[in-house]
Amino acid sequence: MARNVVQFQTRNVVQFQKGLSEPAFEQQYGTEEQCRAIVIESRWPDGFECPACGGRAHSLVKTRGLFQCSTCRRQTSPIAGTIFAVTKLPLRIWFRAMYHMTQTKQGISSIELGRRLGVSQPTAWKIKHKLKQVMMERDATKKLTGRIEIDDAYLGGERSGGKRGRGAAGKTPFVAAVETTADGKPVCVKLGRVRGFSSNALSGFAKRNFDRSCQVVSDGLACFASVTDAGCTHQAIKTGSGSASARTPAFKWVNTALGNIKASIVGTYRYINSKHVPRYLAEFEYRFNRRYDLSAMMPRLCWPVSEQLQCLTGC
């Protein structure tokens, strides 16, 4: 007698994790006092330290929310020098923006973010880009190690009657590199805008983002050979062109990452200005590299936003 065998697909651990729920967010970050306390703790984990003289003894100017050094009498705001400096918005609005940007897989547009925060679209756009800048600077110095899949790509839609593929006008070239484990599982991703797919551009990308121990695998594009300038080994696999090249097993995860990036841009943002591409890539990179613990992404972002980073002004 024939038996019907039912196969169950294993749940994706990353996709089905709980993350940080809205009730949990409200409990931890729902009030201005909670958000302010987190900023202070993140900026001075060992207690207040005067930025002028290094003194720790201080008093509080409660009417203005300032710390006054008992030694030099300098008054310091907890948000001075951070992305919150000179903001007219409550900190809880900023923290809610951080929540939406870290807990959504495909990102969130400034229009939708403005609706959820109760602010205008230009204000939501400024908030987003300040947070994207933090994400970009946070991962800037981290390098990939081990086996790496690398590929070239463009952001930008096709133009009617225009040139297609490499060299097409109105498109922004960028490079994607995915570090994998020995058994082929993705670990981290690095994304970077480049001027073009030249040997100099790829050599610079590799020197900034790859450890010397890396084993880089790419398709047959000649410029990828320059990753050896960073001390890496390089293996080129000729895949041809068309959809079949995207299914090559050696490039499974870099192609998956590129597909997700493009789906996010098309589905969420529709269009982005070329000069802002690095921040959009950094947002995707930040979320991907921390995808195994969604609930921890908020507190992990709270620390760098309280540092003195080279962020945008205003808002």
C-alpha atoms as a PDB file:
ATOM      1  CA  MET A   1       0.000   0.000   0.000  1.00  0.00           C
ATOM      2  CA  ALA A   2       1.350   3.376  -0.974  1.00  0.00           C
ATOM      3  CA  ARG A   3       1.923   5.826   1.825  1.00  0.00           C
ATOM      4  CA  ASN A   4       1.557   9.563   1.585  1.00  0.00           C
ATOM      5  CA  VAL A   5       4.611  11.268   3.019  1.00  0.00           C
ATOM      6  CA  VAL A   6       4.105  14.819   4.264  1.00  0.00           C
ATOM      7  CA  GLN A   7       7.250  16.957   4.407  1.00  0.00           C
ATOM      8  CA  PHE A   8       7.422  19.911   6.727  1.00  0.00           C
ATOM      9  CA  GLN A   9       9.691  22.821   5.924  1.00  0.00           C
ATOM     10  CA  THR A  10      11.947  23.873   8.772  1.00  0.00           C
ATOM     11  CA  ARG A  11      11.129  27.324  10.091  1.00  0.00           C
ATOM     12  CA  ASN A  12      13.659  30.022   9.340  1.00  0.00           C
ATOM     13  CA  VAL A  13      15.102  30.996  12.729  1.00  0.00           C
ATOM     14  CA  VAL A  14      15.797  34.584  11.663  1.00  0.00           C
ATOM     15  CA  GLN A  15      12.445  35.139   9.994  1.00  0.00           C
ATOM     16  CA  PHE A  16      10.326  33.775  12.846  1.00  0.00           C
ATOM     17  CA  GLN A  17      12.136  35.305  15.827  1.00  0.00           C
ATOM     18  CA  LYS A  18       9.980  37.446  18.093  1.00  0.00           C
ATOM     19  CA  GLY A  19      11.997  40.634  17.974  1.00  0.00           C
ATOM     20  CA  LEU A  20      10.992  43.620  20.111  1.00  0.00           C
ATOM     21  CA  SER A  21       7.209  43.931  20.313  1.00  0.00           C
ATOM     22  CA  GLU A  22       5.466  47.293  20.502  1.00  0.00           C
ATOM     23  CA  PRO A  23       4.252  46.673  24.105  1.00  0.00           C
ATOM     24  CA  ALA A  24       7.831  45.771  25.092  1.00  0.00           C
ATOM     25  CA  PHE A  25       9.114  48.903  23.387  1.00  0.00           C
ATOM     26  CA  GLU A  26       6.605  51.071  25.236  1.00  0.00           C
ATOM     27  CA  GLN A  27       7.599  49.492  28.518  1.00  0.00           C
ATOM     28  CA  GLN A  28      11.315  50.158  27.985  1.00  0.00           C
ATOM     29  CA  TYR A  29      11.341  53.384  25.967  1.00  0.00           C
ATOM     30  CA  GLY A  30       7.843  54.830  26.257  1.00  0.00           C
ATOM     31  CA  THR A  31       8.562  57.956  28.330  1.00  0.00           C
ATOM     32  CA  GLU A  32      10.906  60.903  27.927  1.00  0.00           C
ATOM     33  CA  GLU A  33      12.492  60.125  31.287  1.00  0.00           C
ATOM     34  CA  GLN A  34      13.317  56.552  30.221  1.00  0.00           C
ATOM     35  CA  CYS A  35      14.892  57.722  26.960  1.00  0.00           C
ATOM     36  CA  ARG A  36      16.927  60.413  28.701  1.00  0.00           C
ATOM     37  CA  ALA A  37      18.198  57.909  31.268  1.00  0.00           C
ATOM     38  CA  ILE A  38      19.309  55.565  28.473  1.00  0.00           C
ATOM     39  CA  VAL A  39      21.189  58.371  26.694  1.00  0.00           C
ATOM     40  CA  ILE A  40      22.978  59.314  29.934  1.00  0.00           C
ATOM     41  CA  GLU A  41      23.850  55.692  30.711  1.00  0.00           C
ATOM     42  CA  SER A  42      25.098  55.116  27.163  1.00  0.00           C
ATOM     43  CA  ARG A  43      27.203  58.272  27.095  1.00  0.00           C
ATOM     44  CA  TRP A  44      28.658  57.926  30.592  1.00  0.00           C
ATOM     45  CA  PRO A  45      28.481  54.218  31.538  1.00  0.00           C
ATOM     46  CA  ASP A  46      30.864  54.813  34.477  1.00  0.00           C
ATOM     47  CA  GLY A  47      29.126  57.979  35.640  1.00  0.00           C
ATOM     48  CA  PHE A  48      29.340  61.597  34.501  1.00  0.00           C
ATOM     49  CA  GLU A  49      32.739  62.861  33.352  1.00  0.00           C
ATOM     50  CA  CYS A  50      33.230  66.514  32.502  1.00  0.00           C
ATOM     51  CA  PRO A  51      34.293  66.885  28.833  1.00  0.00           C
ATOM     52  CA  ALA A  52      36.409  69.932  29.767  1.00  0.00           C
ATOM     53  CA  CYS A  53      38.442  68.837  32.787  1.00  0.00           C
ATOM     54  CA  GLY A  54      37.531  65.175  33.292  1.00  0.00           C
ATOM     55  CA  GLY A  55      36.059  65.804  36.733  1.00  0.00           C
ATOM     56  CA  ARG A  56      33.367  63.473  38.036  1.00  0.00           C
ATOM     57  CA  ALA A  57      31.904  65.492  40.910  1.00  0.00           C
ATOM     58  CA  HIS A  58      28.855  67.335  39.644  1.00  0.00           C
ATOM     59  CA  SER A  59      25.454  68.741  40.404  1.00  0.00           C
ATOM     60  CA  LEU A  60      22.265  68.813  38.368  1.00  0.00           C
ATOM     61  CA  VAL A  61      20.677  71.961  36.959  1.00  0.00           C
ATOM     62  CA  LYS A  62      17.174  70.548  37.074  1.00  0.00           C
ATOM     63  CA  THR A  63      15.438  73.481  35.390  1.00  0.00           C
ATOM     64  CA  ARG A  64      17.539  72.976  32.237  1.00  0.00           C
ATOM     65  CA  GLY A  65      18.437  69.307  32.471  1.00  0.00           C
ATOM     66  CA  LEU A  66      22.187  69.990  32.577  1.00  0.00           C
ATOM     67  CA  PHE A  67      25.137  68.507  34.454  1.00  0.00           C
ATOM     68  CA  GLN A  68      27.393  71.074  36.125  1.00  0.00           C
ATOM     69  CA  CYS A  69      30.974  70.108  36.926  1.00  0.00           C
ATOM     70  CA  SER A  70      31.905  70.916  40.528  1.00  0.00           C
ATOM     71  CA  THR A  71      35.538  71.569  39.515  1.00  0.00           C
ATOM     72  CA  CYS A  72      35.402  73.868  36.471  1.00  0.00           C
ATOM     73  CA  ARG A  73      31.685  74.777  36.690  1.00  0.00           C
ATOM     74  CA  ARG A  74      31.095  73.853  33.059  1.00  0.00           C
ATOM     75  CA  GLN A  75      27.524  72.889  32.246  1.00  0.00           C
ATOM     76  CA  THR A  76      26.980  69.959  29.897  1.00  0.00           C
ATOM     77  CA  SER A  77      23.843  68.652  28.222  1.00  0.00           C
ATOM     78  CA  PRO A  78      23.570  64.852  27.892  1.00  0.00           C
ATOM     79  CA  ILE A  79      22.671  65.275  24.215  1.00  0.00           C
ATOM     80  CA  ALA A  80      25.438  67.783  23.356  1.00  0.00           C
ATOM     81  CA  GLY A  81      27.626  66.481  20.535  1.00  0.00           C
ATOM     82  CA  THR A  82      25.261  63.586  19.724  1.00  0.00           C
ATOM     83  CA  ILE A  83      22.747  63.252  16.903  1.00  0.00           C
ATOM     84  CA  PHE A  84      20.134  64.610  19.334  1.00  0.00           C
ATOM     85  CA  ALA A  85      21.983  67.929  19.761  1.00  0.00           C
ATOM     86  CA  VAL A  86      19.867  71.056  19.145  1.00  0.00           C
ATOM     87  CA  THR A  87      16.869  68.857  18.363  1.00  0.00           C
ATOM     88  CA  LYS A  88      13.422  70.275  19.009  1.00  0.00           C
ATOM     89  CA  LEU A  89      11.878  66.839  19.104  1.00  0.00           C
ATOM     90  CA  PRO A  90      11.349  64.755  22.242  1.00  0.00           C
ATOM     91  CA  LEU A  91      13.811  61.897  22.657  1.00  0.00           C
ATOM     92  CA  ARG A  92      10.960  59.412  22.661  1.00  0.00           C
ATOM     93  CA  ILE A  93      10.234  60.381  19.028  1.00  0.00           C
ATOM     94  CA  TRP A  94      13.839  59.583  18.119  1.00  0.00           C
ATOM     95  CA  PHE A  95      13.676  56.263  19.952  1.00  0.00           C
ATOM     96  CA  ARG A  96      10.461  55.316  18.197  1.00  0.00           C
ATOM     97  CA  ALA A  97      12.147  56.074  14.856  1.00  0.00           C
ATOM     98  CA  MET A  98      15.009  53.799  15.901  1.00  0.00           C
ATOM     99  CA  TYR A  99      12.469  51.106  16.705  1.00  0.00           C
ATOM    100  CA  HIS A 100      10.823  51.249  13.279  1.00  0.00           C
ATOM    101  CA  MET A 101      14.166  51.291  11.453  1.00  0.00           C
ATOM    102  CA  THR A 102      15.577  48.276  13.302  1.00  0.00           C
ATOM    103  CA  GLN A 103      12.498  46.052  13.499  1.00  0.00           C
ATOM    104  CA  THR A 104      11.346  46.218   9.863  1.00  0.00           C
ATOM    105  CA  LYS A 105      13.100  43.899   7.414  1.00  0.00           C
ATOM    106  CA  GLN A 106      12.456  46.011   4.311  1.00  0.00           C
ATOM    107  CA  GLY A 107      12.996  49.403   5.934  1.00  0.00           C
ATOM    108  CA  ILE A 108      10.486  52.226   6.165  1.00  0.00           C
ATOM    109  CA  SER A 109      10.006  55.269   3.951  1.00  0.00           C
ATOM    110  CA  SER A 110      10.204  58.797   5.359  1.00  0.00           C
ATOM    111  CA  ILE A 111       6.563  59.338   4.414  1.00  0.00           C
ATOM    112  CA  GLU A 112       5.393  56.314   6.401  1.00  0.00           C
ATOM    113  CA  LEU A 113       7.778  57.102   9.269  1.00  0.00           C
ATOM    114  CA  GLY A 114       6.411  60.645   9.427  1.00  0.00           C
ATOM    115  CA  ARG A 115       2.867  59.288   9.731  1.00  0.00           C
ATOM    116  CA  ARG A 116       3.819  56.947  12.565  1.00  0.00           C
ATOM    117  CA  LEU A 117       5.804  59.566  14.465  1.00  0.00           C
ATOM    118  CA  GLY A 118       3.342  62.391  13.889  1.00  0.00           C
ATOM    119  CA  VAL A 119       5.946  64.619  12.204  1.00  0.00           C
ATOM    120  CA  SER A 120       6.351  66.024   8.700  1.00  0.00           C
ATOM    121  CA  GLN A 121       8.030  64.043   5.927  1.00  0.00           C
ATOM    122  CA  PRO A 122      11.104  66.352   5.814  1.00  0.00           C
ATOM    123  CA  THR A 123      11.578  65.934   9.564  1.00  0.00           C
ATOM    124  CA  ALA A 124      11.210  62.156   9.308  1.00  0.00           C
ATOM    125  CA  TRP A 125      13.728  62.160   6.441  1.00  0.00           C
ATOM    126  CA  LYS A 126      16.305  64.041   8.569  1.00  0.00           C
ATOM    127  CA  ILE A 127      15.785  61.670  11.487  1.00  0.00           C
ATOM    128  CA  LYS A 128      16.244  58.655   9.211  1.00  0.00           C
ATOM    129  CA  HIS A 129      19.436  59.964   7.667  1.00  0.00           C
ATOM    130  CA  LYS A 130      21.001  60.844  11.002  1.00  0.00           C
ATOM    131  CA  LEU A 131      20.329  57.314  12.189  1.00  0.00           C
ATOM    132  CA  LYS A 132      21.598  55.855   8.905  1.00  0.00           C
ATOM    133  CA  GLN A 133      24.806  57.862   9.368  1.00  0.00           C
ATOM    134  CA  VAL A 134      25.269  56.319  12.811  1.00  0.00           C
ATOM    135  CA  MET A 135      24.768  52.860  11.326  1.00  0.00           C
ATOM    136  CA  MET A 136      27.298  53.592   8.584  1.00  0.00           C
ATOM    137  CA  GLU A 137      29.980  54.870  10.967  1.00  0.00           C
ATOM    138  CA  ARG A 138      29.334  52.026  13.394  1.00  0.00           C
ATOM    139  CA  ASP A 139      30.345  49.346  10.875  1.00  0.00           C
ATOM    140  CA  ALA A 140      32.896  51.371   8.887  1.00  0.00           C
ATOM    141  CA  THR A 141      36.011  49.885  10.497  1.00  0.00           C
ATOM    142  CA  LYS A 142      34.867  46.279  10.725  1.00  0.00           C
ATOM    143  CA  LYS A 143      36.471  43.894   8.230  1.00  0.00           C
ATOM    144  CA  LEU A 144      35.315  40.621   6.739  1.00  0.00           C
ATOM    145  CA  THR A 145      37.356  37.452   7.236  1.00  0.00           C
ATOM    146  CA  GLY A 146      37.435  33.925   5.824  1.00  0.00           C
ATOM    147  CA  ARG A 147      35.579  33.018   2.631  1.00  0.00           C
ATOM    148  CA  ILE A 148      33.920  35.908   0.815  1.00  0.00           C
ATOM    149  CA  GLU A 149      31.491  36.012  -2.093  1.00  0.00           C
ATOM    150  CA  ILE A 150      31.671  39.286  -4.027  1.00  0.00           C
ATOM    151  CA  ASP A 151      29.613  40.718  -6.868  1.00  0.00           C
ATOM    152  CA  ASP A 152      28.870  43.970  -8.681  1.00  0.00           C
ATOM    153  CA  ALA A 153      25.472  45.607  -8.930  1.00  0.00           C
ATOM    154  CA  TYR A 154      23.651  48.825  -9.727  1.00  0.00           C
ATOM    155  CA  LEU A 155      20.909  50.803  -8.060  1.00  0.00           C
ATOM    156  CA  GLY A 156      18.577  52.575 -10.436  1.00  0.00           C
ATOM    157  CA  GLY A 157      15.788  51.602 -12.768  1.00  0.00           C
ATOM    158  CA  GLU A 158      15.875  51.106 -16.489  1.00  0.00           C
ATOM    159  CA  ARG A 159      15.316  54.167 -18.638  1.00  0.00           C
ATOM    160  CA  SER A 160      13.194  53.927 -21.744  1.00  0.00           C
ATOM    161  CA  GLY A 161      15.443  53.861 -24.795  1.00  0.00           C
ATOM    162  CA  GLY A 162      18.612  54.167 -22.702  1.00  0.00           C
ATOM    163  CA  LYS A 163      21.627  51.940 -22.436  1.00  0.00           C
ATOM    164  CA  ARG A 164      21.197  48.831 -20.293  1.00  0.00           C
ATOM    165  CA  GLY A 165      23.678  47.032 -18.027  1.00  0.00           C
ATOM    166  CA  ARG A 166      27.134  48.264 -17.066  1.00  0.00           C
ATOM    167  CA  GLY A 167      27.736  51.916 -17.899  1.00  0.00           C
ATOM    168  CA  ALA A 168      24.050  52.848 -18.124  1.00  0.00           C
ATOM    169  CA  ALA A 169      23.321  56.479 -17.286  1.00  0.00           C
ATOM    170  CA  GLY A 170      21.470  57.264 -14.074  1.00  0.00           C
ATOM    171  CA  LYS A 171      22.574  54.131 -12.253  1.00  0.00           C
ATOM    172  CA  THR A 172      24.774  53.968  -9.159  1.00  0.00           C
ATOM    173  CA  PRO A 173      27.388  51.184  -9.116  1.00  0.00           C
ATOM    174  CA  PHE A 174      28.096  49.395  -5.838  1.00  0.00           C
ATOM    175  CA  VAL A 175      29.828  46.265  -4.603  1.00  0.00           C
ATOM    176  CA  ALA A 176      28.390  43.592  -2.308  1.00  0.00           C
ATOM    177  CA  ALA A 177      30.561  41.150  -0.364  1.00  0.00           C
ATOM    178  CA  VAL A 178      29.253  38.400   1.919  1.00  0.00           C
ATOM    179  CA  GLU A 179      31.398  36.541   4.438  1.00  0.00           C
ATOM    180  CA  THR A 180      30.378  32.903   4.808  1.00  0.00           C
ATOM    181  CA  THR A 181      31.264  30.053   7.125  1.00  0.00           C
ATOM    182  CA  ALA A 182      33.159  26.973   5.957  1.00  0.00           C
ATOM    183  CA  ASP A 183      29.827  25.192   5.354  1.00  0.00           C
ATOM    184  CA  GLY A 184      28.445  28.082   3.318  1.00  0.00           C
ATOM    185  CA  LYS A 185      26.289  29.963   5.841  1.00  0.00           C
ATOM    186  CA  PRO A 186      26.225  33.802   5.620  1.00  0.00           C
ATOM    187  CA  VAL A 187      27.855  35.734   8.450  1.00  0.00           C
ATOM    188  CA  CYS A 188      28.245  39.403   7.544  1.00  0.00           C
ATOM    189  CA  VAL A 189      27.828  41.631   4.528  1.00  0.00           C
ATOM    190  CA  LYS A 190      29.761  44.669   3.318  1.00  0.00           C
ATOM    191  CA  LEU A 191      28.251  47.083   0.809  1.00  0.00           C
ATOM    192  CA  GLY A 192      30.004  50.005  -0.800  1.00  0.00           C
ATOM    193  CA  ARG A 193      29.309  52.526  -3.543  1.00  0.00           C
ATOM    194  CA  VAL A 194      32.107  52.754  -6.105  1.00  0.00           C
ATOM    195  CA  ARG A 195      32.859  55.184  -8.929  1.00  0.00           C
ATOM    196  CA  GLY A 196      32.916  52.304 -11.365  1.00  0.00           C
ATOM    197  CA  PHE A 197      34.026  48.718 -11.689  1.00  0.00           C
ATOM    198  CA  SER A 198      37.697  49.423 -12.167  1.00  0.00           C
ATOM    199  CA  SER A 199      40.748  47.777 -10.624  1.00  0.00           C
ATOM    200  CA  ASN A 200      41.483  50.870  -8.520  1.00  0.00           C
ATOM    201  CA  ALA A 201      37.927  50.994  -7.151  1.00  0.00           C
ATOM    202  CA  LEU A 202      37.871  47.308  -6.196  1.00  0.00           C
ATOM    203  CA  SER A 203      41.373  47.471  -4.732  1.00  0.00           C
ATOM    204  CA  GLY A 204      40.308  50.333  -2.460  1.00  0.00           C
ATOM    205  CA  PHE A 205      37.111  48.535  -1.443  1.00  0.00           C
ATOM    206  CA  ALA A 206      39.075  45.399  -0.542  1.00  0.00           C
ATOM    207  CA  LYS A 207      41.694  47.271   1.476  1.00  0.00           C
ATOM    208  CA  ARG A 208      38.998  49.001   3.529  1.00  0.00           C
ATOM    209  CA  ASN A 209      36.784  45.995   4.116  1.00  0.00           C
ATOM    210  CA  PHE A 210      38.750  42.718   3.846  1.00  0.00           C
ATOM    211  CA  ASP A 211      41.200  41.100   6.214  1.00  0.00           C
ATOM    212  CA  ARG A 212      44.391  39.837   4.606  1.00  0.00           C
ATOM    213  CA  SER A 213      43.346  36.255   5.347  1.00  0.00           C
ATOM    214  CA  CYS A 214      40.272  36.393   3.110  1.00  0.00           C
ATOM    215  CA  GLN A 215      39.599  33.953   0.277  1.00  0.00           C
ATOM    216  CA  VAL A 216      37.559  35.927  -2.238  1.00  0.00           C
ATOM    217  CA  VAL A 217      35.331  34.251  -4.833  1.00  0.00           C
ATOM    218  CA  SER A 218      33.981  36.316  -7.735  1.00  0.00           C
ATOM    219  CA  ASP A 219      32.685  35.986 -11.264  1.00  0.00           C
ATOM    220  CA  GLY A 220      34.926  36.622 -14.255  1.00  0.00           C
ATOM    221  CA  LEU A 221      34.799  40.440 -14.157  1.00  0.00           C
ATOM    222  CA  ALA A 222      38.438  41.464 -14.529  1.00  0.00           C
ATOM    223  CA  CYS A 223      38.474  44.207 -11.863  1.00  0.00           C
ATOM    224  CA  PHE A 224      37.832  41.685  -9.061  1.00  0.00           C
ATOM    225  CA  ALA A 225      41.377  40.339  -9.453  1.00  0.00           C
ATOM    226  CA  SER A 226      42.623  43.533  -7.773  1.00  0.00           C
ATOM    227  CA  VAL A 227      41.360  42.331  -4.369  1.00  0.00           C
ATOM    228  CA  THR A 228      44.774  40.651  -4.117  1.00  0.00           C
ATOM    229  CA  ASP A 229      46.169  44.155  -3.474  1.00  0.00           C
ATOM    230  CA  ALA A 230      44.680  43.792   0.019  1.00  0.00           C
ATOM    231  CA  GLY A 231      46.592  40.556   0.588  1.00  0.00           C
ATOM    232  CA  CYS A 232      43.597  38.315  -0.163  1.00  0.00           C
ATOM    233  CA  THR A 233      43.560  35.224  -2.341  1.00  0.00           C
ATOM    234  CA  HIS A 234      41.188  35.320  -5.312  1.00  0.00           C
ATOM    235  CA  GLN A 235      39.260  32.706  -7.263  1.00  0.00           C
ATOM    236  CA  ALA A 236      37.358  33.718 -10.394  1.00  0.00           C
ATOM    237  CA  ILE A 237      34.448  31.554 -11.550  1.00  0.00           C
ATOM    238  CA  LYS A 238      33.123  32.363 -15.002  1.00  0.00           C
ATOM    239  CA  THR A 239      29.345  32.193 -14.904  1.00  0.00           C
ATOM    240  CA  GLY A 240      28.347  33.679 -18.216  1.00  0.00           C
ATOM    241  CA  SER A 241      25.408  36.077 -18.313  1.00  0.00           C
ATOM    242  CA  GLY A 242      21.670  36.019 -17.786  1.00  0.00           C
ATOM    243  CA  SER A 243      19.533  34.489 -15.048  1.00  0.00           C
ATOM    244  CA  ALA A 244      21.581  31.289 -14.990  1.00  0.00           C
ATOM    245  CA  SER A 245      24.586  33.153 -13.588  1.00  0.00           C
ATOM    246  CA  ALA A 246      22.516  34.287 -10.592  1.00  0.00           C
ATOM    247  CA  ARG A 247      21.845  30.642  -9.693  1.00  0.00           C
ATOM    248  CA  THR A 248      25.514  29.666  -9.442  1.00  0.00           C
ATOM    249  CA  PRO A 249      25.918  27.939  -6.020  1.00  0.00           C
ATOM    250  CA  ALA A 250      29.229  29.704  -5.313  1.00  0.00           C
ATOM    251  CA  PHE A 251      27.392  33.055  -5.242  1.00  0.00           C
ATOM    252  CA  LYS A 252      24.213  31.991  -3.481  1.00  0.00           C
ATOM    253  CA  TRP A 253      24.407  34.405  -0.562  1.00  0.00           C
ATOM    254  CA  VAL A 254      25.736  37.479  -2.313  1.00  0.00           C
ATOM    255  CA  ASN A 255      22.962  37.096  -4.904  1.00  0.00           C
ATOM    256  CA  THR A 256      20.415  36.661  -2.099  1.00  0.00           C
ATOM    257  CA  ALA A 257      21.662  39.836  -0.436  1.00  0.00           C
ATOM    258  CA  LEU A 258      21.520  41.768  -3.698  1.00  0.00           C
ATOM    259  CA  GLY A 259      18.005  40.533  -4.339  1.00  0.00           C
ATOM    260  CA  ASN A 260      16.871  41.672  -0.883  1.00  0.00           C
ATOM    261  CA  ILE A 261      18.504  45.071  -1.277  1.00  0.00           C
ATOM    262  CA  LYS A 262      16.838  45.728  -4.603  1.00  0.00           C
ATOM    263  CA  ALA A 263      13.475  44.477  -3.318  1.00  0.00           C
ATOM    264  CA  SER A 264      13.773  46.882  -0.382  1.00  0.00           C
ATOM    265  CA  ILE A 265      14.579  49.833  -2.626  1.00  0.00           C
ATOM    266  CA  VAL A 266      11.807  49.085  -5.127  1.00  0.00           C
ATOM    267  CA  GLY A 267       9.191  48.132  -2.547  1.00  0.00           C
ATOM    268  CA  THR A 268       9.900  50.756   0.103  1.00  0.00           C
ATOM    269  CA  TYR A 269      11.760  53.716  -1.334  1.00  0.00           C
ATOM    270  CA  ARG A 270      11.027  53.548  -5.083  1.00  0.00           C
ATOM    271  CA  TYR A 271      13.877  55.962  -5.773  1.00  0.00           C
ATOM    272  CA  ILE A 272      16.937  57.237  -3.925  1.00  0.00           C
ATOM    273  CA  ASN A 273      19.366  59.990  -4.844  1.00  0.00           C
ATOM    274  CA  SER A 274      22.799  58.719  -5.817  1.00  0.00           C
ATOM    275  CA  LYS A 275      24.561  60.879  -3.209  1.00  0.00           C
ATOM    276  CA  HIS A 276      22.576  59.189  -0.417  1.00  0.00           C
ATOM    277  CA  VAL A 277      23.185  55.614  -1.614  1.00  0.00           C
ATOM    278  CA  PRO A 278      25.941  54.884   0.990  1.00  0.00           C
ATOM    279  CA  ARG A 279      23.510  55.522   3.866  1.00  0.00           C
ATOM    280  CA  TYR A 280      20.786  53.327   2.389  1.00  0.00           C
ATOM    281  CA  LEU A 281      23.295  50.529   1.860  1.00  0.00           C
ATOM    282  CA  ALA A 282      24.583  51.040   5.420  1.00  0.00           C
ATOM    283  CA  GLU A 283      21.067  50.655   6.850  1.00  0.00           C
ATOM    284  CA  PHE A 284      20.604  47.312   5.097  1.00  0.00           C
ATOM    285  CA  GLU A 285      24.114  46.211   6.110  1.00  0.00           C
ATOM    286  CA  TYR A 286      23.498  47.156   9.756  1.00  0.00           C
ATOM    287  CA  ARG A 287      20.279  45.150   9.982  1.00  0.00           C
ATOM    288  CA  PHE A 288      21.654  42.136   8.102  1.00  0.00           C
ATOM    289  CA  ASN A 289      24.732  41.865  10.297  1.00  0.00           C
ATOM    290  CA  ARG A 290      22.578  41.854  13.442  1.00  0.00           C
ATOM    291  CA  ARG A 291      19.686  39.805  12.085  1.00  0.00           C
ATOM    292  CA  TYR A 292      19.997  36.956  14.602  1.00  0.00           C
ATOM    293  CA  ASP A 293      18.839  39.089  17.548  1.00  0.00           C
ATOM    294  CA  LEU A 294      16.185  41.639  16.568  1.00  0.00           C
ATOM    295  CA  SER A 295      15.247  42.400  20.164  1.00  0.00           C
ATOM    296  CA  ALA A 296      18.841  43.428  20.957  1.00  0.00           C
ATOM    297  CA  MET A 297      19.154  45.738  17.951  1.00  0.00           C
ATOM    298  CA  MET A 298      17.508  48.664  19.739  1.00  0.00           C
ATOM    299  CA  PRO A 299      19.795  48.730  22.811  1.00  0.00           C
ATOM    300  CA  ARG A 300      22.813  48.100  20.564  1.00  0.00           C
ATOM    301  CA  LEU A 301      21.909  51.194  18.527  1.00  0.00           C
ATOM    302  CA  CYS A 302      21.260  53.306  21.638  1.00  0.00           C
ATOM    303  CA  TRP A 303      24.952  53.281  22.546  1.00  0.00           C
ATOM    304  CA  PRO A 304      26.427  54.659  19.282  1.00  0.00           C
ATOM    305  CA  VAL A 305      23.704  57.322  18.837  1.00  0.00           C
ATOM    306  CA  SER A 306      24.796  58.752  22.191  1.00  0.00           C
ATOM    307  CA  GLU A 307      28.404  59.069  21.033  1.00  0.00           C
ATOM    308  CA  GLN A 308      29.885  62.105  19.350  1.00  0.00           C
ATOM    309  CA  LEU A 309      29.697  60.993  15.730  1.00  0.00           C
ATOM    310  CA  GLN A 310      30.115  62.894  12.479  1.00  0.00           C
ATOM    311  CA  CYS A 311      26.416  63.149  11.837  1.00  0.00           C
ATOM    312  CA  LEU A 312      24.155  65.559   9.996  1.00  0.00           C
ATOM    313  CA  THR A 313      23.194  68.810  11.628  1.00  0.00           C
ATOM    314  CA  GLY A 314      19.753  70.250  12.148  1.00  0.00           C
ATOM    315  CA  CYS A 315      16.343  68.672  12.826  1.00  0.00           C
END
